[in-house]
Amino acid sequence: MPFLTDDDRPLDELLLAQRPDDGHRFQVRAPFAYLDPVGGQRYEVPVQDAASSPGDAGDAGDGAAGSDLASVPSALWGLIASYGRQSAPALLHDHRSAVAAGLGDRRAALAQRRVDDRVFRTALREQGVPVLRTAVMWAWVSADRERQFGGAAGVLFVAQAVLGGLVVAGASVAAFWNPLWLVLLAVVALAGLAWGRLAAPQLVLAFSLGWLGPFALVQFAAIVPFRLVEAFVELVSGGDPAGVWRPTLR
């Protein structure tokens, strides 16, 4: 059992506080640890300060503001839930991300996050999260890392993934009329391989956007009209129209 309590017993429950009571962020109320089978390192996830407000970052960069668990918009929870087997790895990753951000050095934070994102992927698999779901979640946190700390190269990384996803989606549809369009899939793959050690997340991002993106659009297409009706009802009844989007949009 890779996740342990602070006294080294197998972790059999996560104690969290929802703060505020109508919000979407949670704070760890009992510490736990993770033993990385790859690097052999022990990672501690401490209790988060109940006195901090959701907007606080914490002086030590320890994630005192809490976690939204797996950072998935609620419109997509039918595809990947924000909680479940991924909860403990997500809490660990949020804490490690706060620690990396607190280093105050972009290059050091980038290097630390690359290690921590790999640990996140390992923890997801050890918790029994399916391979494809693990790959997609890991690729997306990798994209966020490169965007946040990778500078111009990080922006290019994300832009190429988005463009690659559009090409994959377009070529896959066009192939119903002419299979030669599938050659573009090889072009996307070769362009992704050019990223070297970042090739794996680049490829997962591009192909997941191309093949899974339409399912996400269907999810959004189903929920947006309902949210708009909710917002209208709130408006005419004197409520808060913006509140209907929580926690769909943060």
C-alpha atoms as a PDB file:
ATOM      1  CA  MET A   1       0.000   0.000   0.000  1.00  0.00           C
ATOM      2  CA  PRO A   2       1.882   3.111  -1.189  1.00  0.00           C
ATOM      3  CA  PHE A   3      -0.194   5.644   0.792  1.00  0.00           C
ATOM      4  CA  LEU A   4       0.325   5.563   4.534  1.00  0.00           C
ATOM      5  CA  THR A   5      -0.880   7.382   7.627  1.00  0.00           C
ATOM      6  CA  ASP A   6       1.655   9.463   9.541  1.00  0.00           C
ATOM      7  CA  ASP A   7       2.321   6.441  11.788  1.00  0.00           C
ATOM      8  CA  ASP A   8       2.978   4.159   8.779  1.00  0.00           C
ATOM      9  CA  ARG A   9      -0.296   2.274   8.699  1.00  0.00           C
ATOM     10  CA  PRO A  10      -1.992   1.689   5.334  1.00  0.00           C
ATOM     11  CA  LEU A  11      -4.151   4.685   4.543  1.00  0.00           C
ATOM     12  CA  ASP A  12      -7.787   3.582   4.721  1.00  0.00           C
ATOM     13  CA  GLU A  13      -9.486   6.988   4.775  1.00  0.00           C
ATOM     14  CA  LEU A  14      -8.924  10.587   3.760  1.00  0.00           C
ATOM     15  CA  LEU A  15     -10.020  13.172   6.305  1.00  0.00           C
ATOM     16  CA  LEU A  16     -10.893  16.400   4.535  1.00  0.00           C
ATOM     17  CA  ALA A  17     -12.701  19.610   5.402  1.00  0.00           C
ATOM     18  CA  GLN A  18     -14.778  21.399   2.762  1.00  0.00           C
ATOM     19  CA  ARG A  19     -14.032  25.105   3.114  1.00  0.00           C
ATOM     20  CA  PRO A  20     -16.147  27.144   2.827  1.00  0.00           C
ATOM     21  CA  ASP A  21     -19.108  24.881   3.387  1.00  0.00           C
ATOM     22  CA  ASP A  22     -20.541  25.730  -0.045  1.00  0.00           C
ATOM     23  CA  GLY A  23     -17.196  25.861  -1.841  1.00  0.00           C
ATOM     24  CA  HIS A  24     -15.241  23.435  -3.982  1.00  0.00           C
ATOM     25  CA  ARG A  25     -11.939  23.360  -2.094  1.00  0.00           C
ATOM     26  CA  PHE A  26     -10.894  20.848   0.547  1.00  0.00           C
ATOM     27  CA  GLN A  27      -8.222  20.913   3.242  1.00  0.00           C
ATOM     28  CA  VAL A  28      -6.401  17.895   4.623  1.00  0.00           C
ATOM     29  CA  ARG A  29      -7.351  17.332   8.268  1.00  0.00           C
ATOM     30  CA  ALA A  30      -5.120  14.300   8.922  1.00  0.00           C
ATOM     31  CA  PRO A  31      -1.601  13.987   7.464  1.00  0.00           C
ATOM     32  CA  PHE A  32      -0.595  11.119   5.230  1.00  0.00           C
ATOM     33  CA  ALA A  33       2.446  10.007   3.245  1.00  0.00           C
ATOM     34  CA  TYR A  34       3.329   8.371  -0.044  1.00  0.00           C
ATOM     35  CA  LEU A  35       6.229   5.990  -0.661  1.00  0.00           C
ATOM     36  CA  ASP A  36       7.415   6.309  -4.245  1.00  0.00           C
ATOM     37  CA  PRO A  37       8.401   2.815  -5.471  1.00  0.00           C
ATOM     38  CA  VAL A  38      10.454   4.293  -8.315  1.00  0.00           C
ATOM     39  CA  GLY A  39      12.621   6.847  -6.532  1.00  0.00           C
ATOM     40  CA  GLY A  40      12.294   5.344  -3.058  1.00  0.00           C
ATOM     41  CA  GLN A  41      11.435   8.739  -1.570  1.00  0.00           C
ATOM     42  CA  ARG A  42       8.807   9.378   1.083  1.00  0.00           C
ATOM     43  CA  TYR A  43       6.497  12.341   0.438  1.00  0.00           C
ATOM     44  CA  GLU A  44       4.554  13.869   3.319  1.00  0.00           C
ATOM     45  CA  VAL A  45       1.209  15.628   2.910  1.00  0.00           C
ATOM     46  CA  PRO A  46       0.678  17.763   6.035  1.00  0.00           C
ATOM     47  CA  VAL A  47      -2.470  19.023   7.685  1.00  0.00           C
ATOM     48  CA  GLN A  48      -3.505  22.273   6.026  1.00  0.00           C
ATOM     49  CA  ASP A  49      -4.116  25.389   8.088  1.00  0.00           C
ATOM     50  CA  ALA A  50      -7.822  25.696   8.872  1.00  0.00           C
ATOM     51  CA  ALA A  51      -7.324  29.383   9.702  1.00  0.00           C
ATOM     52  CA  SER A  52      -6.227  30.284   6.165  1.00  0.00           C
ATOM     53  CA  SER A  53      -8.698  31.621   3.643  1.00  0.00           C
ATOM     54  CA  PRO A  54      -9.202  29.940   0.253  1.00  0.00           C
ATOM     55  CA  GLY A  55      -7.235  32.733  -1.378  1.00  0.00           C
ATOM     56  CA  ASP A  56      -4.123  32.311   0.768  1.00  0.00           C
ATOM     57  CA  ALA A  57      -1.089  30.614  -0.709  1.00  0.00           C
ATOM     58  CA  GLY A  58       0.616  29.964   2.594  1.00  0.00           C
ATOM     59  CA  ASP A  59       3.948  31.441   3.664  1.00  0.00           C
ATOM     60  CA  ALA A  60       5.781  28.183   3.078  1.00  0.00           C
ATOM     61  CA  GLY A  61       4.018  27.346  -0.150  1.00  0.00           C
ATOM     62  CA  ASP A  62       2.420  24.343   1.517  1.00  0.00           C
ATOM     63  CA  GLY A  63      -0.943  24.520  -0.205  1.00  0.00           C
ATOM     64  CA  ALA A  64      -2.786  25.935   2.811  1.00  0.00           C
ATOM     65  CA  ALA A  65      -5.499  27.223   0.476  1.00  0.00           C
ATOM     66  CA  GLY A  66      -6.509  23.614  -0.017  1.00  0.00           C
ATOM     67  CA  SER A  67      -7.213  21.456  -3.034  1.00  0.00           C
ATOM     68  CA  ASP A  68     -10.049  21.025  -5.504  1.00  0.00           C
ATOM     69  CA  LEU A  69      -8.941  17.372  -5.676  1.00  0.00           C
ATOM     70  CA  ALA A  70      -8.534  16.375  -9.323  1.00  0.00           C
ATOM     71  CA  SER A  71      -8.832  19.674 -11.221  1.00  0.00           C
ATOM     72  CA  VAL A  72     -11.559  18.597 -13.611  1.00  0.00           C
ATOM     73  CA  PRO A  73     -14.359  21.028 -14.617  1.00  0.00           C
ATOM     74  CA  SER A  74     -17.656  19.647 -13.338  1.00  0.00           C
ATOM     75  CA  ALA A  75     -19.032  19.483 -16.899  1.00  0.00           C
ATOM     76  CA  LEU A  76     -16.482  16.715 -17.518  1.00  0.00           C
ATOM     77  CA  TRP A  77     -17.032  14.744 -14.343  1.00  0.00           C
ATOM     78  CA  GLY A  78     -18.929  12.167 -16.373  1.00  0.00           C
ATOM     79  CA  LEU A  79     -15.621  11.373 -18.079  1.00  0.00           C
ATOM     80  CA  ILE A  80     -13.146  11.881 -15.231  1.00  0.00           C
ATOM     81  CA  ALA A  81     -14.463  12.536 -11.716  1.00  0.00           C
ATOM     82  CA  SER A  82     -12.816  15.059  -9.439  1.00  0.00           C
ATOM     83  CA  TYR A  83     -12.578  12.468  -6.658  1.00  0.00           C
ATOM     84  CA  GLY A  84     -12.275   8.715  -6.235  1.00  0.00           C
ATOM     85  CA  ARG A  85      -9.196   6.560  -6.646  1.00  0.00           C
ATOM     86  CA  GLN A  86      -7.375   9.679  -7.816  1.00  0.00           C
ATOM     87  CA  SER A  87      -8.101  11.674  -4.634  1.00  0.00           C
ATOM     88  CA  ALA A  88      -4.962  10.824  -2.652  1.00  0.00           C
ATOM     89  CA  PRO A  89      -2.625  11.284  -5.658  1.00  0.00           C
ATOM     90  CA  ALA A  90      -4.352  14.593  -6.455  1.00  0.00           C
ATOM     91  CA  LEU A  91      -3.909  15.866  -2.891  1.00  0.00           C
ATOM     92  CA  LEU A  92      -0.265  14.812  -2.978  1.00  0.00           C
ATOM     93  CA  HIS A  93       0.253  16.523  -6.333  1.00  0.00           C
ATOM     94  CA  ASP A  94      -1.429  19.754  -5.229  1.00  0.00           C
ATOM     95  CA  HIS A  95       0.817  19.894  -2.166  1.00  0.00           C
ATOM     96  CA  ARG A  96       3.965  19.193  -4.180  1.00  0.00           C
ATOM     97  CA  SER A  97       2.936  21.798  -6.780  1.00  0.00           C
ATOM     98  CA  ALA A  98       2.622  24.407  -4.026  1.00  0.00           C
ATOM     99  CA  VAL A  99       6.054  23.444  -2.712  1.00  0.00           C
ATOM    100  CA  ALA A 100       7.579  23.782  -6.197  1.00  0.00           C
ATOM    101  CA  ALA A 101       5.919  27.162  -6.745  1.00  0.00           C
ATOM    102  CA  GLY A 102       7.288  28.305  -3.400  1.00  0.00           C
ATOM    103  CA  LEU A 103      10.884  27.736  -4.526  1.00  0.00           C
ATOM    104  CA  GLY A 104      10.895  31.164  -6.141  1.00  0.00           C
ATOM    105  CA  ASP A 105      13.027  30.039  -9.060  1.00  0.00           C
ATOM    106  CA  ARG A 106      11.402  29.105 -12.357  1.00  0.00           C
ATOM    107  CA  ARG A 107      14.037  26.592 -13.453  1.00  0.00           C
ATOM    108  CA  ALA A 108      14.153  24.904 -10.064  1.00  0.00           C
ATOM    109  CA  ALA A 109      10.360  24.762  -9.928  1.00  0.00           C
ATOM    110  CA  LEU A 110      10.233  23.254 -13.423  1.00  0.00           C
ATOM    111  CA  ALA A 111      12.737  20.548 -12.517  1.00  0.00           C
ATOM    112  CA  GLN A 112      10.911  19.772  -9.274  1.00  0.00           C
ATOM    113  CA  ARG A 113       7.537  19.620 -10.963  1.00  0.00           C
ATOM    114  CA  ARG A 114       8.808  17.212 -13.614  1.00  0.00           C
ATOM    115  CA  VAL A 115       9.743  14.816 -10.829  1.00  0.00           C
ATOM    116  CA  ASP A 116       6.516  15.407  -8.923  1.00  0.00           C
ATOM    117  CA  ASP A 117       4.365  14.929 -12.014  1.00  0.00           C
ATOM    118  CA  ARG A 118       6.004  11.560 -12.623  1.00  0.00           C
ATOM    119  CA  VAL A 119       5.293  10.653  -8.980  1.00  0.00           C
ATOM    120  CA  PHE A 120       1.658  11.657  -9.561  1.00  0.00           C
ATOM    121  CA  ARG A 121       1.458   9.287 -12.531  1.00  0.00           C
ATOM    122  CA  THR A 122       2.974   6.437 -10.530  1.00  0.00           C
ATOM    123  CA  ALA A 123       0.596   7.054  -7.621  1.00  0.00           C
ATOM    124  CA  LEU A 124      -2.432   7.057  -9.915  1.00  0.00           C
ATOM    125  CA  ARG A 125      -1.520   3.665 -11.326  1.00  0.00           C
ATOM    126  CA  GLU A 126      -0.847   2.233  -7.874  1.00  0.00           C
ATOM    127  CA  GLN A 127      -4.301   3.394  -6.822  1.00  0.00           C
ATOM    128  CA  GLY A 128      -5.800   1.439  -9.694  1.00  0.00           C
ATOM    129  CA  VAL A 129      -6.673   4.357 -11.960  1.00  0.00           C
ATOM    130  CA  PRO A 130      -7.000   3.005 -15.539  1.00  0.00           C
ATOM    131  CA  VAL A 131      -4.011   3.405 -17.834  1.00  0.00           C
ATOM    132  CA  LEU A 132      -5.659   5.775 -20.323  1.00  0.00           C
ATOM    133  CA  ARG A 133      -7.146   7.980 -17.602  1.00  0.00           C
ATOM    134  CA  THR A 134      -3.781   8.072 -15.841  1.00  0.00           C
ATOM    135  CA  ALA A 135      -2.008   9.066 -19.050  1.00  0.00           C
ATOM    136  CA  VAL A 136      -4.486  11.876 -19.780  1.00  0.00           C
ATOM    137  CA  MET A 137      -4.353  13.272 -16.222  1.00  0.00           C
ATOM    138  CA  TRP A 138      -0.545  13.125 -16.198  1.00  0.00           C
ATOM    139  CA  ALA A 139      -0.285  14.765 -19.616  1.00  0.00           C
ATOM    140  CA  TRP A 140      -2.536  17.639 -18.581  1.00  0.00           C
ATOM    141  CA  VAL A 141      -0.613  18.392 -15.381  1.00  0.00           C
ATOM    142  CA  SER A 142       2.551  18.218 -17.491  1.00  0.00           C
ATOM    143  CA  ALA A 143       1.102  20.784 -19.895  1.00  0.00           C
ATOM    144  CA  ASP A 144       0.183  23.058 -16.993  1.00  0.00           C
ATOM    145  CA  ARG A 145       3.726  22.697 -15.628  1.00  0.00           C
ATOM    146  CA  GLU A 146       5.360  23.606 -18.928  1.00  0.00           C
ATOM    147  CA  ARG A 147       2.971  26.530 -19.408  1.00  0.00           C
ATOM    148  CA  GLN A 148       3.649  27.839 -15.905  1.00  0.00           C
ATOM    149  CA  PHE A 149       7.399  27.344 -15.671  1.00  0.00           C
ATOM    150  CA  GLY A 150       8.662  26.528 -19.174  1.00  0.00           C
ATOM    151  CA  GLY A 151       8.758  30.066 -20.569  1.00  0.00           C
ATOM    152  CA  ALA A 152       8.459  30.428 -24.337  1.00  0.00           C
ATOM    153  CA  ALA A 153       9.152  26.726 -24.847  1.00  0.00           C
ATOM    154  CA  GLY A 154       6.258  25.922 -22.519  1.00  0.00           C
ATOM    155  CA  VAL A 155       3.882  28.102 -24.522  1.00  0.00           C
ATOM    156  CA  LEU A 156       5.043  26.382 -27.717  1.00  0.00           C
ATOM    157  CA  PHE A 157       4.551  22.971 -26.082  1.00  0.00           C
ATOM    158  CA  VAL A 158       0.923  23.719 -25.268  1.00  0.00           C
ATOM    159  CA  ALA A 159       0.251  25.393 -28.627  1.00  0.00           C
ATOM    160  CA  GLN A 160       1.611  22.395 -30.527  1.00  0.00           C
ATOM    161  CA  ALA A 161      -0.544  20.030 -28.468  1.00  0.00           C
ATOM    162  CA  VAL A 162      -3.669  22.042 -29.278  1.00  0.00           C
ATOM    163  CA  LEU A 163      -2.776  22.249 -32.976  1.00  0.00           C
ATOM    164  CA  GLY A 164      -1.924  18.551 -33.024  1.00  0.00           C
ATOM    165  CA  GLY A 165      -5.288  17.736 -31.463  1.00  0.00           C
ATOM    166  CA  LEU A 166      -7.104  19.705 -34.155  1.00  0.00           C
ATOM    167  CA  VAL A 167      -5.137  17.904 -36.871  1.00  0.00           C
ATOM    168  CA  VAL A 168      -5.842  14.493 -35.324  1.00  0.00           C
ATOM    169  CA  ALA A 169      -9.564  15.244 -35.062  1.00  0.00           C
ATOM    170  CA  GLY A 170      -9.762  16.613 -38.614  1.00  0.00           C
ATOM    171  CA  ALA A 171      -7.733  13.811 -40.167  1.00  0.00           C
ATOM    172  CA  SER A 172      -9.723  11.135 -38.328  1.00  0.00           C
ATOM    173  CA  VAL A 173     -12.996  12.528 -39.693  1.00  0.00           C
ATOM    174  CA  ALA A 174     -11.653  13.125 -43.207  1.00  0.00           C
ATOM    175  CA  ALA A 175     -10.341   9.552 -43.328  1.00  0.00           C
ATOM    176  CA  PHE A 176     -13.920   8.276 -43.676  1.00  0.00           C
ATOM    177  CA  TRP A 177     -13.841   9.720 -47.207  1.00  0.00           C
ATOM    178  CA  ASN A 178     -10.149   9.244 -47.983  1.00  0.00           C
ATOM    179  CA  PRO A 179      -7.879   7.085 -45.787  1.00  0.00           C
ATOM    180  CA  LEU A 180      -4.832   9.006 -47.013  1.00  0.00           C
ATOM    181  CA  TRP A 181      -5.707  11.737 -44.518  1.00  0.00           C
ATOM    182  CA  LEU A 182      -4.428   9.362 -41.816  1.00  0.00           C
ATOM    183  CA  VAL A 183      -0.913  10.238 -42.954  1.00  0.00           C
ATOM    184  CA  LEU A 184      -1.348  13.422 -40.929  1.00  0.00           C
ATOM    185  CA  LEU A 185      -1.461  11.299 -37.779  1.00  0.00           C
ATOM    186  CA  ALA A 186       2.113  10.245 -38.504  1.00  0.00           C
ATOM    187  CA  VAL A 187       3.057  13.901 -38.987  1.00  0.00           C
ATOM    188  CA  VAL A 188       1.616  14.743 -35.559  1.00  0.00           C
ATOM    189  CA  ALA A 189       3.457  11.795 -34.031  1.00  0.00           C
ATOM    190  CA  LEU A 190       6.796  12.783 -35.573  1.00  0.00           C
ATOM    191  CA  ALA A 191       6.336  16.392 -34.445  1.00  0.00           C
ATOM    192  CA  GLY A 192       5.635  15.140 -30.928  1.00  0.00           C
ATOM    193  CA  LEU A 193       8.712  12.912 -30.887  1.00  0.00           C
ATOM    194  CA  ALA A 194      10.829  15.997 -31.597  1.00  0.00           C
ATOM    195  CA  TRP A 195      10.244  17.053 -27.960  1.00  0.00           C
ATOM    196  CA  GLY A 196      12.562  14.317 -26.701  1.00  0.00           C
ATOM    197  CA  ARG A 197      11.871  13.588 -23.035  1.00  0.00           C
ATOM    198  CA  LEU A 198       8.649  15.597 -23.321  1.00  0.00           C
ATOM    199  CA  ALA A 199       7.487  13.546 -26.298  1.00  0.00           C
ATOM    200  CA  ALA A 200       5.226  11.248 -24.251  1.00  0.00           C
ATOM    201  CA  PRO A 201       3.039  13.976 -22.716  1.00  0.00           C
ATOM    202  CA  GLN A 202       3.017  15.863 -26.034  1.00  0.00           C
ATOM    203  CA  LEU A 203       1.735  12.787 -27.879  1.00  0.00           C
ATOM    204  CA  VAL A 204      -0.854  11.972 -25.219  1.00  0.00           C
ATOM    205  CA  LEU A 205      -2.100  15.549 -25.253  1.00  0.00           C
ATOM    206  CA  ALA A 206      -2.397  15.787 -29.034  1.00  0.00           C
ATOM    207  CA  PHE A 207      -4.087  12.431 -29.553  1.00  0.00           C
ATOM    208  CA  SER A 208      -6.339  12.703 -26.491  1.00  0.00           C
ATOM    209  CA  LEU A 209      -7.482  16.147 -27.633  1.00  0.00           C
ATOM    210  CA  GLY A 210      -8.171  14.804 -31.099  1.00  0.00           C
ATOM    211  CA  TRP A 211      -9.958  11.612 -30.137  1.00  0.00           C
ATOM    212  CA  LEU A 212     -11.469  12.410 -26.724  1.00  0.00           C
ATOM    213  CA  GLY A 213     -12.066  16.121 -27.292  1.00  0.00           C
ATOM    214  CA  PRO A 214     -15.374  15.542 -29.135  1.00  0.00           C
ATOM    215  CA  PHE A 215     -16.734  13.648 -26.117  1.00  0.00           C
ATOM    216  CA  ALA A 216     -15.818  16.622 -23.928  1.00  0.00           C
ATOM    217  CA  LEU A 217     -17.606  18.974 -26.338  1.00  0.00           C
ATOM    218  CA  VAL A 218     -20.735  16.821 -26.099  1.00  0.00           C
ATOM    219  CA  GLN A 219     -20.560  17.082 -22.302  1.00  0.00           C
ATOM    220  CA  PHE A 220     -20.274  20.864 -22.473  1.00  0.00           C
ATOM    221  CA  ALA A 221     -23.028  21.083 -25.094  1.00  0.00           C
ATOM    222  CA  ALA A 222     -25.352  19.209 -22.739  1.00  0.00           C
ATOM    223  CA  ILE A 223     -24.653  21.231 -19.610  1.00  0.00           C
ATOM    224  CA  VAL A 224     -24.312  24.789 -20.940  1.00  0.00           C
ATOM    225  CA  PRO A 225     -28.001  25.213 -21.941  1.00  0.00           C
ATOM    226  CA  PHE A 226     -29.083  23.949 -18.522  1.00  0.00           C
ATOM    227  CA  ARG A 227     -26.714  26.352 -16.762  1.00  0.00           C
ATOM    228  CA  LEU A 228     -28.031  29.231 -18.901  1.00  0.00           C
ATOM    229  CA  VAL A 229     -31.607  28.387 -17.905  1.00  0.00           C
ATOM    230  CA  GLU A 230     -30.493  28.230 -14.274  1.00  0.00           C
ATOM    231  CA  ALA A 231     -28.820  31.624 -14.609  1.00  0.00           C
ATOM    232  CA  PHE A 232     -31.979  33.140 -16.126  1.00  0.00           C
ATOM    233  CA  VAL A 233     -34.142  31.779 -13.321  1.00  0.00           C
ATOM    234  CA  GLU A 234     -31.694  33.144 -10.764  1.00  0.00           C
ATOM    235  CA  LEU A 235     -31.744  36.531 -12.475  1.00  0.00           C
ATOM    236  CA  VAL A 236     -35.534  36.904 -12.517  1.00  0.00           C
ATOM    237  CA  SER A 237     -35.838  35.580  -8.963  1.00  0.00           C
ATOM    238  CA  GLY A 238     -33.262  37.982  -7.565  1.00  0.00           C
ATOM    239  CA  GLY A 239     -30.571  35.347  -7.029  1.00  0.00           C
ATOM    240  CA  ASP A 240     -26.956  35.165  -8.172  1.00  0.00           C
ATOM    241  CA  PRO A 241     -26.739  34.165 -11.865  1.00  0.00           C
ATOM    242  CA  ALA A 242     -22.948  33.814 -11.697  1.00  0.00           C
ATOM    243  CA  GLY A 243     -23.268  31.276  -8.893  1.00  0.00           C
ATOM    244  CA  VAL A 244     -24.748  28.613 -11.146  1.00  0.00           C
ATOM    245  CA  TRP A 245     -21.345  28.057 -12.767  1.00  0.00           C
ATOM    246  CA  ARG A 246     -19.621  27.034  -9.538  1.00  0.00           C
ATOM    247  CA  PRO A 247     -17.630  24.829  -9.478  1.00  0.00           C
ATOM    248  CA  THR A 248     -17.837  24.334 -13.251  1.00  0.00           C
ATOM    249  CA  LEU A 249     -15.672  27.413 -13.732  1.00  0.00           C
ATOM    250  CA  ARG A 250     -13.315  28.697 -11.058  1.00  0.00           C
END
